[in-house]
Amino acid sequence: GVFEAKLDNLGLAGVHHLLPLPIWDVYYWDHALRSSAEMEA
């Protein structure tokens, strides 16, 4: 939510959010994709 508020404050409310691979200690639950072997590669 801190990131979303930052985007709002910067005039970027409503930009697309590109979700990443879920890498432990880097991503947020509910803000990453479920990965596959191809995605990991």
PDB file of all heavy atoms in Angstrom:
ATOM      1  N   GLY A   1       0.813  -1.216   0.000  1.00  0.00           N
ATOM      2  CA  GLY A   1       0.000   0.000   0.000  1.00  0.00           C
ATOM      3  C   GLY A   1       0.844   1.263   0.000  1.00  0.00           C
ATOM      4  O   GLY A   1       0.435   2.297  -0.552  1.00  0.00           O
ATOM      5  N   VAL A   2       2.035   1.202   0.594  1.00  0.00           N
ATOM      6  CA  VAL A   2       2.945   2.347   0.586  1.00  0.00           C
ATOM      7  C   VAL A   2       3.356   2.657  -0.860  1.00  0.00           C
ATOM      8  O   VAL A   2       3.428   3.816  -1.262  1.00  0.00           O
ATOM      9  CB  VAL A   2       4.184   2.072   1.475  1.00  0.00           C
ATOM     10  CG1 VAL A   2       5.254   3.142   1.303  1.00  0.00           C
ATOM     11  CG2 VAL A   2       3.765   1.953   2.932  1.00  0.00           C
ATOM     12  N   PHE A   3       3.603   1.610  -1.633  1.00  0.00           N
ATOM     13  CA  PHE A   3       3.967   1.781  -3.043  1.00  0.00           C
ATOM     14  C   PHE A   3       2.804   2.378  -3.831  1.00  0.00           C
ATOM     15  O   PHE A   3       2.988   3.302  -4.631  1.00  0.00           O
ATOM     16  CB  PHE A   3       4.388   0.431  -3.629  1.00  0.00           C
ATOM     17  CG  PHE A   3       4.731   0.469  -5.086  1.00  0.00           C
ATOM     18  CD1 PHE A   3       5.829   1.174  -5.550  1.00  0.00           C
ATOM     19  CD2 PHE A   3       3.962  -0.225  -6.011  1.00  0.00           C
ATOM     20  CE1 PHE A   3       6.156   1.204  -6.901  1.00  0.00           C
ATOM     21  CE2 PHE A   3       4.277  -0.207  -7.360  1.00  0.00           C
ATOM     22  CZ  PHE A   3       5.376   0.516  -7.800  1.00  0.00           C
ATOM     23  N   GLU A   4       1.611   1.872  -3.600  1.00  0.00           N
ATOM     24  CA  GLU A   4       0.445   2.407  -4.303  1.00  0.00           C
ATOM     25  C   GLU A   4       0.225   3.880  -3.970  1.00  0.00           C
ATOM     26  O   GLU A   4      -0.080   4.685  -4.857  1.00  0.00           O
ATOM     27  CB  GLU A   4      -0.790   1.575  -3.975  1.00  0.00           C
ATOM     28  CG  GLU A   4      -0.711   0.173  -4.553  1.00  0.00           C
ATOM     29  CD  GLU A   4      -1.856  -0.719  -4.130  1.00  0.00           C
ATOM     30  OE1 GLU A   4      -2.156  -0.783  -2.916  1.00  0.00           O
ATOM     31  OE2 GLU A   4      -2.448  -1.345  -5.024  1.00  0.00           O
ATOM     32  N   ALA A   5       0.423   4.240  -2.708  1.00  0.00           N
ATOM     33  CA  ALA A   5       0.296   5.648  -2.311  1.00  0.00           C
ATOM     34  C   ALA A   5       1.376   6.491  -2.979  1.00  0.00           C
ATOM     35  O   ALA A   5       1.120   7.627  -3.405  1.00  0.00           O
ATOM     36  CB  ALA A   5       0.375   5.779  -0.792  1.00  0.00           C
ATOM     37  N   LYS A   6       2.581   5.933  -3.101  1.00  0.00           N
ATOM     38  CA  LYS A   6       3.669   6.643  -3.775  1.00  0.00           C
ATOM     39  C   LYS A   6       3.294   6.911  -5.232  1.00  0.00           C
ATOM     40  O   LYS A   6       3.471   8.027  -5.726  1.00  0.00           O
ATOM     41  CB  LYS A   6       4.957   5.825  -3.715  1.00  0.00           C
ATOM     42  CG  LYS A   6       6.132   6.471  -4.421  1.00  0.00           C
ATOM     43  CD  LYS A   6       7.345   5.562  -4.488  1.00  0.00           C
ATOM     44  CE  LYS A   6       7.874   5.246  -3.130  1.00  0.00           C
ATOM     45  NZ  LYS A   6       9.182   4.569  -3.167  1.00  0.00           N
ATOM     46  N   LEU A   7       2.768   5.902  -5.916  1.00  0.00           N
ATOM     47  CA  LEU A   7       2.346   6.090  -7.306  1.00  0.00           C
ATOM     48  C   LEU A   7       1.289   7.184  -7.406  1.00  0.00           C
ATOM     49  O   LEU A   7       1.355   8.040  -8.292  1.00  0.00           O
ATOM     50  CB  LEU A   7       1.834   4.781  -7.906  1.00  0.00           C
ATOM     51  CG  LEU A   7       2.862   3.675  -8.133  1.00  0.00           C
ATOM     52  CD1 LEU A   7       2.181   2.417  -8.651  1.00  0.00           C
ATOM     53  CD2 LEU A   7       3.967   4.122  -9.074  1.00  0.00           C
ATOM     54  N   ASP A   8       0.316   7.157  -6.495  1.00  0.00           N
ATOM     55  CA  ASP A   8      -0.725   8.188  -6.479  1.00  0.00           C
ATOM     56  C   ASP A   8      -0.103   9.574  -6.323  1.00  0.00           C
ATOM     57  O   ASP A   8      -0.455  10.505  -7.059  1.00  0.00           O
ATOM     58  CB  ASP A   8      -1.719   7.951  -5.344  1.00  0.00           C
ATOM     59  CG  ASP A   8      -2.609   6.746  -5.554  1.00  0.00           C
ATOM     60  OD1 ASP A   8      -2.591   6.165  -6.668  1.00  0.00           O
ATOM     61  OD2 ASP A   8      -3.321   6.370  -4.608  1.00  0.00           O
ATOM     62  N   ASN A   9       0.818   9.705  -5.372  1.00  0.00           N
ATOM     63  CA  ASN A   9       1.450  10.997  -5.101  1.00  0.00           C
ATOM     64  C   ASN A   9       2.295  11.495  -6.271  1.00  0.00           C
ATOM     65  O   ASN A   9       2.506  12.698  -6.417  1.00  0.00           O
ATOM     66  CB  ASN A   9       2.327  10.923  -3.848  1.00  0.00           C
ATOM     67  CG  ASN A   9       1.514  10.781  -2.588  1.00  0.00           C
ATOM     68  OD1 ASN A   9       0.346  11.161  -2.535  1.00  0.00           O
ATOM     69  ND2 ASN A   9       2.115  10.218  -1.558  1.00  0.00           N
ATOM     70  N   LEU A  10       2.774  10.581  -7.091  1.00  0.00           N
ATOM     71  CA  LEU A  10       3.619  10.946  -8.229  1.00  0.00           C
ATOM     72  C   LEU A  10       2.812  11.204  -9.506  1.00  0.00           C
ATOM     73  O   LEU A  10       3.384  11.450 -10.556  1.00  0.00           O
ATOM     74  CB  LEU A  10       4.653   9.835  -8.494  1.00  0.00           C
ATOM     75  CG  LEU A  10       5.656   9.584  -7.370  1.00  0.00           C
ATOM     76  CD1 LEU A  10       6.533   8.386  -7.701  1.00  0.00           C
ATOM     77  CD2 LEU A  10       6.496  10.831  -7.116  1.00  0.00           C
ATOM     78  N   GLY A  11       1.490  11.132  -9.398  1.00  0.00           N
ATOM     79  CA  GLY A  11       0.651  11.350 -10.579  1.00  0.00           C
ATOM     80  C   GLY A  11       0.468  10.107 -11.417  1.00  0.00           C
ATOM     81  O   GLY A  11       0.088  10.193 -12.580  1.00  0.00           O
ATOM     82  N   LEU A  12       0.734   8.952 -10.822  1.00  0.00           N
ATOM     83  CA  LEU A  12       0.667   7.691 -11.561  1.00  0.00           C
ATOM     84  C   LEU A  12      -0.460   6.771 -11.083  1.00  0.00           C
ATOM     85  O   LEU A  12      -0.413   5.561 -11.324  1.00  0.00           O
ATOM     86  CB  LEU A  12       2.018   6.966 -11.460  1.00  0.00           C
ATOM     87  CG  LEU A  12       3.162   7.656 -12.200  1.00  0.00           C
ATOM     88  CD1 LEU A  12       4.502   7.092 -11.773  1.00  0.00           C
ATOM     89  CD2 LEU A  12       2.969   7.528 -13.702  1.00  0.00           C
ATOM     90  N   ALA A  13      -1.465   7.335 -10.438  1.00  0.00           N
ATOM     91  CA  ALA A  13      -2.608   6.522 -10.023  1.00  0.00           C
ATOM     92  C   ALA A  13      -3.259   5.940 -11.268  1.00  0.00           C
ATOM     93  O   ALA A  13      -3.541   6.650 -12.227  1.00  0.00           O
ATOM     94  CB  ALA A  13      -3.609   7.367  -9.247  1.00  0.00           C
ATOM     95  N   GLY A  14      -3.434   4.640 -11.289  1.00  0.00           N
ATOM     96  CA  GLY A  14      -4.089   3.991 -12.415  1.00  0.00           C
ATOM     97  C   GLY A  14      -3.162   3.408 -13.455  1.00  0.00           C
ATOM     98  O   GLY A  14      -3.637   2.812 -14.419  1.00  0.00           O
ATOM     99  N   VAL A  15      -1.831   3.577 -13.292  1.00  0.00           N
ATOM    100  CA  VAL A  15      -0.937   2.932 -14.258  1.00  0.00           C
ATOM    101  C   VAL A  15      -1.051   1.422 -14.101  1.00  0.00           C
ATOM    102  O   VAL A  15      -1.438   0.915 -13.044  1.00  0.00           O
ATOM    103  CB  VAL A  15       0.551   3.348 -14.104  1.00  0.00           C
ATOM    104  CG1 VAL A  15       0.762   4.801 -14.385  1.00  0.00           C
ATOM    105  CG2 VAL A  15       1.127   2.932 -12.776  1.00  0.00           C
ATOM    106  N   HIS A  16      -0.719   0.719 -15.155  1.00  0.00           N
ATOM    107  CA  HIS A  16      -0.704  -0.733 -15.096  1.00  0.00           C
ATOM    108  C   HIS A  16       0.367  -1.190 -14.100  1.00  0.00           C
ATOM    109  O   HIS A  16       1.411  -0.557 -13.999  1.00  0.00           O
ATOM    110  CB  HIS A  16      -0.379  -1.331 -16.470  1.00  0.00           C
ATOM    111  CG  HIS A  16      -1.401  -1.042 -17.507  1.00  0.00           C
ATOM    112  ND1 HIS A  16      -2.554  -1.776 -17.638  1.00  0.00           N
ATOM    113  CD2 HIS A  16      -1.450  -0.100 -18.471  1.00  0.00           C
ATOM    114  CE1 HIS A  16      -3.266  -1.296 -18.634  1.00  0.00           C
ATOM    115  NE2 HIS A  16      -2.619  -0.269 -19.157  1.00  0.00           N
ATOM    116  N   HIS A  17       0.084  -2.282 -13.413  1.00  0.00           N
ATOM    117  CA  HIS A  17       1.083  -2.924 -12.552  1.00  0.00           C
ATOM    118  C   HIS A  17       1.489  -4.220 -13.248  1.00  0.00           C
ATOM    119  O   HIS A  17       0.653  -5.100 -13.441  1.00  0.00           O
ATOM    120  CB  HIS A  17       0.511  -3.258 -11.178  1.00  0.00           C
ATOM    121  CG  HIS A  17       0.244  -2.070 -10.325  1.00  0.00           C
ATOM    122  ND1 HIS A  17      -0.037  -2.176  -8.998  1.00  0.00           N
ATOM    123  CD2 HIS A  17       0.214  -0.740 -10.596  1.00  0.00           C
ATOM    124  CE1 HIS A  17      -0.234  -0.969  -8.474  1.00  0.00           C
ATOM    125  NE2 HIS A  17      -0.089  -0.092  -9.441  1.00  0.00           N
ATOM    126  N   LEU A  18       2.750  -4.324 -13.617  1.00  0.00           N
ATOM    127  CA  LEU A  18       3.257  -5.555 -14.217  1.00  0.00           C
ATOM    128  C   LEU A  18       3.718  -6.464 -13.094  1.00  0.00           C
ATOM    129  O   LEU A  18       4.620  -6.113 -12.329  1.00  0.00           O
ATOM    130  CB  LEU A  18       4.415  -5.251 -15.175  1.00  0.00           C
ATOM    131  CG  LEU A  18       4.118  -4.260 -16.302  1.00  0.00           C
ATOM    132  CD1 LEU A  18       5.343  -4.104 -17.204  1.00  0.00           C
ATOM    133  CD2 LEU A  18       2.913  -4.684 -17.108  1.00  0.00           C
ATOM    134  N   LEU A  19       3.086  -7.635 -12.985  1.00  0.00           N
ATOM    135  CA  LEU A  19       3.398  -8.555 -11.896  1.00  0.00           C
ATOM    136  C   LEU A  19       4.622  -9.402 -12.233  1.00  0.00           C
ATOM    137  O   LEU A  19       4.757  -9.903 -13.345  1.00  0.00           O
ATOM    138  CB  LEU A  19       2.199  -9.456 -11.613  1.00  0.00           C
ATOM    139  CG  LEU A  19       0.913  -8.738 -11.195  1.00  0.00           C
ATOM    140  CD1 LEU A  19      -0.195  -9.747 -10.946  1.00  0.00           C
ATOM    141  CD2 LEU A  19       1.132  -7.849  -9.988  1.00  0.00           C
ATOM    142  N   PRO A  20       5.524  -9.585 -11.251  1.00  0.00           N
ATOM    143  CA  PRO A  20       6.749 -10.355 -11.469  1.00  0.00           C
ATOM    144  C   PRO A  20       6.594 -11.817 -11.085  1.00  0.00           C
ATOM    145  O   PRO A  20       5.536 -12.251 -10.599  1.00  0.00           O
ATOM    146  CB  PRO A  20       7.727  -9.675 -10.513  1.00  0.00           C
ATOM    147  CG  PRO A  20       6.861  -9.335  -9.326  1.00  0.00           C
ATOM    148  CD  PRO A  20       5.524  -8.919  -9.953  1.00  0.00           C
ATOM    149  N   LEU A  21       7.686 -12.541 -11.289  1.00  0.00           N
ATOM    150  CA  LEU A  21       7.812 -13.895 -10.738  1.00  0.00           C
ATOM    151  C   LEU A  21       7.831 -13.806  -9.217  1.00  0.00           C
ATOM    152  O   LEU A  21       8.314 -12.819  -8.675  1.00  0.00           O
ATOM    153  CB  LEU A  21       9.160 -14.506 -11.148  1.00  0.00           C
ATOM    154  CG  LEU A  21       9.318 -15.112 -12.507  1.00  0.00           C
ATOM    155  CD1 LEU A  21      10.790 -15.443 -12.751  1.00  0.00           C
ATOM    156  CD2 LEU A  21       8.483 -16.357 -12.633  1.00  0.00           C
ATOM    157  N   PRO A  22       7.375 -14.837  -8.532  1.00  0.00           N
ATOM    158  CA  PRO A  22       7.477 -14.827  -7.075  1.00  0.00           C
ATOM    159  C   PRO A  22       8.862 -15.334  -6.640  1.00  0.00           C
ATOM    160  O   PRO A  22       9.146 -16.516  -6.722  1.00  0.00           O
ATOM    161  CB  PRO A  22       6.368 -15.790  -6.645  1.00  0.00           C
ATOM    162  CG  PRO A  22       6.264 -16.758  -7.777  1.00  0.00           C
ATOM    163  CD  PRO A  22       6.606 -15.979  -9.016  1.00  0.00           C
ATOM    164  N   ILE A  23       9.719 -14.439  -6.228  1.00  0.00           N
ATOM    165  CA  ILE A  23      11.038 -14.817  -5.711  1.00  0.00           C
ATOM    166  C   ILE A  23      11.064 -14.470  -4.240  1.00  0.00           C
ATOM    167  O   ILE A  23      10.836 -13.318  -3.850  1.00  0.00           O
ATOM    168  CB  ILE A  23      12.167 -14.112  -6.491  1.00  0.00           C
ATOM    169  CG1 ILE A  23      12.165 -14.615  -7.933  1.00  0.00           C
ATOM    170  CG2 ILE A  23      13.520 -14.339  -5.820  1.00  0.00           C
ATOM    171  CD1 ILE A  23      13.235 -14.038  -8.808  1.00  0.00           C
ATOM    172  N   TRP A  24      11.340 -15.483  -3.434  1.00  0.00           N
ATOM    173  CA  TRP A  24      11.308 -15.323  -1.986  1.00  0.00           C
ATOM    174  C   TRP A  24      12.150 -14.132  -1.558  1.00  0.00           C
ATOM    175  O   TRP A  24      13.244 -13.916  -2.047  1.00  0.00           O
ATOM    176  CB  TRP A  24      11.816 -16.592  -1.296  1.00  0.00           C
ATOM    177  CG  TRP A  24      11.712 -16.485   0.181  1.00  0.00           C
ATOM    178  CD1 TRP A  24      12.728 -16.318   1.060  1.00  0.00           C
ATOM    179  CD2 TRP A  24      10.511 -16.498   0.948  1.00  0.00           C
ATOM    180  NE1 TRP A  24      12.233 -16.224   2.336  1.00  0.00           N
ATOM    181  CE2 TRP A  24      10.873 -16.327   2.292  1.00  0.00           C
ATOM    182  CE3 TRP A  24       9.167 -16.614   0.622  1.00  0.00           C
ATOM    183  CZ2 TRP A  24       9.945 -16.291   3.317  1.00  0.00           C
ATOM    184  CZ3 TRP A  24       8.235 -16.581   1.657  1.00  0.00           C
ATOM    185  CH2 TRP A  24       8.633 -16.429   2.971  1.00  0.00           C
ATOM    186  N   ASP A  25      11.619 -13.348  -0.656  1.00  0.00           N
ATOM    187  CA  ASP A  25      12.261 -12.183  -0.062  1.00  0.00           C
ATOM    188  C   ASP A  25      12.303 -10.996  -1.022  1.00  0.00           C
ATOM    189  O   ASP A  25      12.995 -10.023  -0.758  1.00  0.00           O
ATOM    190  CB  ASP A  25      13.672 -12.516   0.446  1.00  0.00           C
ATOM    191  CG  ASP A  25      14.114 -11.577   1.563  1.00  0.00           C
ATOM    192  OD1 ASP A  25      13.249 -11.089   2.310  1.00  0.00           O
ATOM    193  OD2 ASP A  25      15.325 -11.314   1.660  1.00  0.00           O
ATOM    194  N   VAL A  26      11.572 -11.066  -2.143  1.00  0.00           N
ATOM    195  CA  VAL A  26      11.571  -9.950  -3.094  1.00  0.00           C
ATOM    196  C   VAL A  26      10.145  -9.501  -3.433  1.00  0.00           C
ATOM    197  O   VAL A  26       9.914  -8.332  -3.674  1.00  0.00           O
ATOM    198  CB  VAL A  26      12.331 -10.309  -4.399  1.00  0.00           C
ATOM    199  CG1 VAL A  26      12.330  -9.148  -5.371  1.00  0.00           C
ATOM    200  CG2 VAL A  26      13.752 -10.740  -4.102  1.00  0.00           C
ATOM    201  N   TYR A  27       9.193 -10.397  -3.461  1.00  0.00           N
ATOM    202  CA  TYR A  27       7.858 -10.034  -3.946  1.00  0.00           C
ATOM    203  C   TYR A  27       6.859  -9.920  -2.794  1.00  0.00           C
ATOM    204  O   TYR A  27       7.144 -10.277  -1.658  1.00  0.00           O
ATOM    205  CB  TYR A  27       7.362 -11.081  -4.950  1.00  0.00           C
ATOM    206  CG  TYR A  27       6.922 -12.384  -4.319  1.00  0.00           C
ATOM    207  CD1 TYR A  27       5.576 -12.660  -4.162  1.00  0.00           C
ATOM    208  CD2 TYR A  27       7.843 -13.320  -3.864  1.00  0.00           C
ATOM    209  CE1 TYR A  27       5.150 -13.843  -3.580  1.00  0.00           C
ATOM    210  CE2 TYR A  27       7.428 -14.502  -3.279  1.00  0.00           C
ATOM    211  CZ  TYR A  27       6.092 -14.752  -3.137  1.00  0.00           C
ATOM    212  OH  TYR A  27       5.678 -15.922  -2.555  1.00  0.00           O
ATOM    213  N   TYR A  28       5.677  -9.398  -3.124  1.00  0.00           N
ATOM    214  CA  TYR A  28       4.562  -9.309  -2.181  1.00  0.00           C
ATOM    215  C   TYR A  28       3.514 -10.348  -2.562  1.00  0.00           C
ATOM    216  O   TYR A  28       3.214 -10.519  -3.743  1.00  0.00           O
ATOM    217  CB  TYR A  28       3.901  -7.917  -2.253  1.00  0.00           C
ATOM    218  CG  TYR A  28       4.742  -6.825  -1.654  1.00  0.00           C
ATOM    219  CD1 TYR A  28       5.683  -6.159  -2.423  1.00  0.00           C
ATOM    220  CD2 TYR A  28       4.588  -6.464  -0.326  1.00  0.00           C
ATOM    221  CE1 TYR A  28       6.450  -5.147  -1.876  1.00  0.00           C
ATOM    222  CE2 TYR A  28       5.351  -5.457   0.226  1.00  0.00           C
ATOM    223  CZ  TYR A  28       6.279  -4.806  -0.551  1.00  0.00           C
ATOM    224  OH  TYR A  28       7.041  -3.817  -0.014  1.00  0.00           O
ATOM    225  N   TRP A  29       2.955 -11.019  -1.573  1.00  0.00           N
ATOM    226  CA  TRP A  29       1.838 -11.926  -1.832  1.00  0.00           C
ATOM    227  C   TRP A  29       0.758 -11.139  -2.553  1.00  0.00           C
ATOM    228  O   TRP A  29       0.553  -9.964  -2.291  1.00  0.00           O
ATOM    229  CB  TRP A  29       1.256 -12.489  -0.532  1.00  0.00           C
ATOM    230  CG  TRP A  29       2.183 -13.394   0.193  1.00  0.00           C
ATOM    231  CD1 TRP A  29       2.868 -13.112   1.340  1.00  0.00           C
ATOM    232  CD2 TRP A  29       2.558 -14.734  -0.164  1.00  0.00           C
ATOM    233  NE1 TRP A  29       3.642 -14.170   1.706  1.00  0.00           N
ATOM    234  CE2 TRP A  29       3.470 -15.184   0.801  1.00  0.00           C
ATOM    235  CE3 TRP A  29       2.211 -15.574  -1.217  1.00  0.00           C
ATOM    236  CZ2 TRP A  29       4.036 -16.448   0.749  1.00  0.00           C
ATOM    237  CZ3 TRP A  29       2.780 -16.837  -1.264  1.00  0.00           C
ATOM    238  CH2 TRP A  29       3.668 -17.252  -0.287  1.00  0.00           C
ATOM    239  N   ASP A  30       0.071 -11.745  -3.443  1.00  0.00           N
ATOM    240  CA  ASP A  30      -1.007 -11.131  -4.231  1.00  0.00           C
ATOM    241  C   ASP A  30      -0.509 -10.096  -5.239  1.00  0.00           C
ATOM    242  O   ASP A  30      -1.318  -9.434  -5.881  1.00  0.00           O
ATOM    243  CB  ASP A  30      -2.085 -10.490  -3.346  1.00  0.00           C
ATOM    244  CG  ASP A  30      -2.776 -11.495  -2.454  1.00  0.00           C
ATOM    245  OD1 ASP A  30      -2.873 -12.680  -2.853  1.00  0.00           O
ATOM    246  OD2 ASP A  30      -3.212 -11.117  -1.357  1.00  0.00           O
ATOM    247  N   HIS A  31       0.805  -9.940  -5.379  1.00  0.00           N
ATOM    248  CA  HIS A  31       1.343  -8.997  -6.358  1.00  0.00           C
ATOM    249  C   HIS A  31       2.472  -9.659  -7.148  1.00  0.00           C
ATOM    250  O   HIS A  31       3.479  -9.022  -7.471  1.00  0.00           O
ATOM    251  CB  HIS A  31       1.824  -7.719  -5.673  1.00  0.00           C
ATOM    252  CG  HIS A  31       0.716  -7.008  -4.975  1.00  0.00           C
ATOM    253  ND1 HIS A  31      -0.259  -6.292  -5.652  1.00  0.00           N
ATOM    254  CD2 HIS A  31       0.382  -6.933  -3.675  1.00  0.00           C
ATOM    255  CE1 HIS A  31      -1.121  -5.803  -4.783  1.00  0.00           C
ATOM    256  NE2 HIS A  31      -0.756  -6.171  -3.577  1.00  0.00           N
ATOM    257  N   ALA A  32       2.289 -10.946  -7.417  1.00  0.00           N
ATOM    258  CA  ALA A  32       3.221 -11.725  -8.236  1.00  0.00           C
ATOM    259  C   ALA A  32       2.429 -12.828  -8.922  1.00  0.00           C
ATOM    260  O   ALA A  32       1.305 -13.151  -8.520  1.00  0.00           O
ATOM    261  CB  ALA A  32       4.328 -12.323  -7.377  1.00  0.00           C
ATOM    262  N   LEU A  33       3.023 -13.386  -9.956  1.00  0.00           N
ATOM    263  CA  LEU A  33       2.383 -14.459 -10.701  1.00  0.00           C
ATOM    264  C   LEU A  33       2.799 -15.820 -10.157  1.00  0.00           C
ATOM    265  O   LEU A  33       3.867 -15.957  -9.563  1.00  0.00           O
ATOM    266  CB  LEU A  33       2.785 -14.377 -12.176  1.00  0.00           C
ATOM    267  CG  LEU A  33       2.426 -13.090 -12.900  1.00  0.00           C
ATOM    268  CD1 LEU A  33       3.052 -13.071 -14.280  1.00  0.00           C
ATOM    269  CD2 LEU A  33       0.916 -12.940 -12.992  1.00  0.00           C
ATOM    270  N   ARG A  34       1.984 -16.799 -10.394  1.00  0.00           N
ATOM    271  CA  ARG A  34       2.381 -18.173 -10.127  1.00  0.00           C
ATOM    272  C   ARG A  34       3.341 -18.579 -11.238  1.00  0.00           C
ATOM    273  O   ARG A  34       3.050 -18.388 -12.409  1.00  0.00           O
ATOM    274  CB  ARG A  34       1.158 -19.086 -10.124  1.00  0.00           C
ATOM    275  CG  ARG A  34       1.476 -20.500  -9.708  1.00  0.00           C
ATOM    276  CD  ARG A  34       0.229 -21.281  -9.568  1.00  0.00           C
ATOM    277  NE  ARG A  34      -0.509 -20.737  -8.427  1.00  0.00           N
ATOM    278  CZ  ARG A  34      -1.450 -21.361  -7.787  1.00  0.00           C
ATOM    279  NH1 ARG A  34      -1.823 -22.558  -8.171  1.00  0.00           N
ATOM    280  NH2 ARG A  34      -2.061 -20.815  -6.777  1.00  0.00           N
ATOM    281  N   SER A  35       4.486 -19.115 -10.875  1.00  0.00           N
ATOM    282  CA  SER A  35       5.509 -19.371 -11.890  1.00  0.00           C
ATOM    283  C   SER A  35       5.419 -20.770 -12.480  1.00  0.00           C
ATOM    284  O   SER A  35       4.821 -21.674 -11.910  1.00  0.00           O
ATOM    285  CB  SER A  35       6.905 -19.139 -11.312  1.00  0.00           C
ATOM    286  OG  SER A  35       7.197 -20.097 -10.333  1.00  0.00           O
ATOM    287  N   SER A  36       6.048 -20.896 -13.643  1.00  0.00           N
ATOM    288  CA  SER A  36       6.182 -22.177 -14.321  1.00  0.00           C
ATOM    289  C   SER A  36       7.670 -22.381 -14.613  1.00  0.00           C
ATOM    290  O   SER A  36       8.474 -21.456 -14.466  1.00  0.00           O
ATOM    291  CB  SER A  36       5.398 -22.165 -15.644  1.00  0.00           C
ATOM    292  OG  SER A  36       6.005 -21.262 -16.561  1.00  0.00           O
ATOM    293  N   ALA A  37       8.026 -23.560 -15.064  1.00  0.00           N
ATOM    294  CA  ALA A  37       9.422 -23.838 -15.404  1.00  0.00           C
ATOM    295  C   ALA A  37       9.908 -22.897 -16.511  1.00  0.00           C
ATOM    296  O   ALA A  37      11.041 -22.402 -16.469  1.00  0.00           O
ATOM    297  CB  ALA A  37       9.583 -25.295 -15.825  1.00  0.00           C
ATOM    298  N   GLU A  38       9.053 -22.623 -17.473  1.00  0.00           N
ATOM    299  CA  GLU A  38       9.413 -21.723 -18.570  1.00  0.00           C
ATOM    300  C   GLU A  38       9.657 -20.299 -18.052  1.00  0.00           C
ATOM    301  O   GLU A  38      10.604 -19.625 -18.470  1.00  0.00           O
ATOM    302  CB  GLU A  38       8.293 -21.725 -19.613  1.00  0.00           C
ATOM    303  CG  GLU A  38       8.544 -20.833 -20.805  1.00  0.00           C
ATOM    304  CD  GLU A  38       7.390 -20.883 -21.793  1.00  0.00           C
ATOM    305  OE1 GLU A  38       7.226 -21.921 -22.463  1.00  0.00           O
ATOM    306  OE2 GLU A  38       6.651 -19.879 -21.869  1.00  0.00           O
ATOM    307  N   MET A  39       8.801 -19.849 -17.156  1.00  0.00           N
ATOM    308  CA  MET A  39       8.957 -18.512 -16.591  1.00  0.00           C
ATOM    309  C   MET A  39      10.247 -18.422 -15.770  1.00  0.00           C
ATOM    310  O   MET A  39      10.971 -17.419 -15.849  1.00  0.00           O
ATOM    311  CB  MET A  39       7.731 -18.176 -15.733  1.00  0.00           C
ATOM    312  CG  MET A  39       6.454 -18.040 -16.547  1.00  0.00           C
ATOM    313  SD  MET A  39       4.948 -18.206 -15.553  1.00  0.00           S
ATOM    314  CE  MET A  39       4.833 -16.568 -14.828  1.00  0.00           C
ATOM    315  N   GLU A  40      10.532 -19.454 -15.008  1.00  0.00           N
ATOM    316  CA  GLU A  40      11.765 -19.493 -14.207  1.00  0.00           C
ATOM    317  C   GLU A  40      12.994 -19.496 -15.115  1.00  0.00           C
ATOM    318  O   GLU A  40      14.000 -18.851 -14.813  1.00  0.00           O
ATOM    319  CB  GLU A  40      11.781 -20.734 -13.307  1.00  0.00           C
ATOM    320  CG  GLU A  40      10.686 -20.773 -12.269  1.00  0.00           C
ATOM    321  CD  GLU A  40      10.955 -19.876 -11.074  1.00  0.00           C
ATOM    322  OE1 GLU A  40      12.111 -19.482 -10.857  1.00  0.00           O
ATOM    323  OE2 GLU A  40       9.977 -19.568 -10.368  1.00  0.00           O
ATOM    324  N   ALA A  41      12.923 -20.220 -16.229  1.00  0.00           N
ATOM    325  CA  ALA A  41      14.043 -20.276 -17.169  1.00  0.00           C
ATOM    326  C   ALA A  41      14.327 -18.892 -17.755  1.00  0.00           C
ATOM    327  O   ALA A  41      15.495 -18.509 -17.905  1.00  0.00           O
ATOM    328  CB  ALA A  41      13.758 -21.282 -18.280  1.00  0.00           C
TER     329      ALA A  41
END
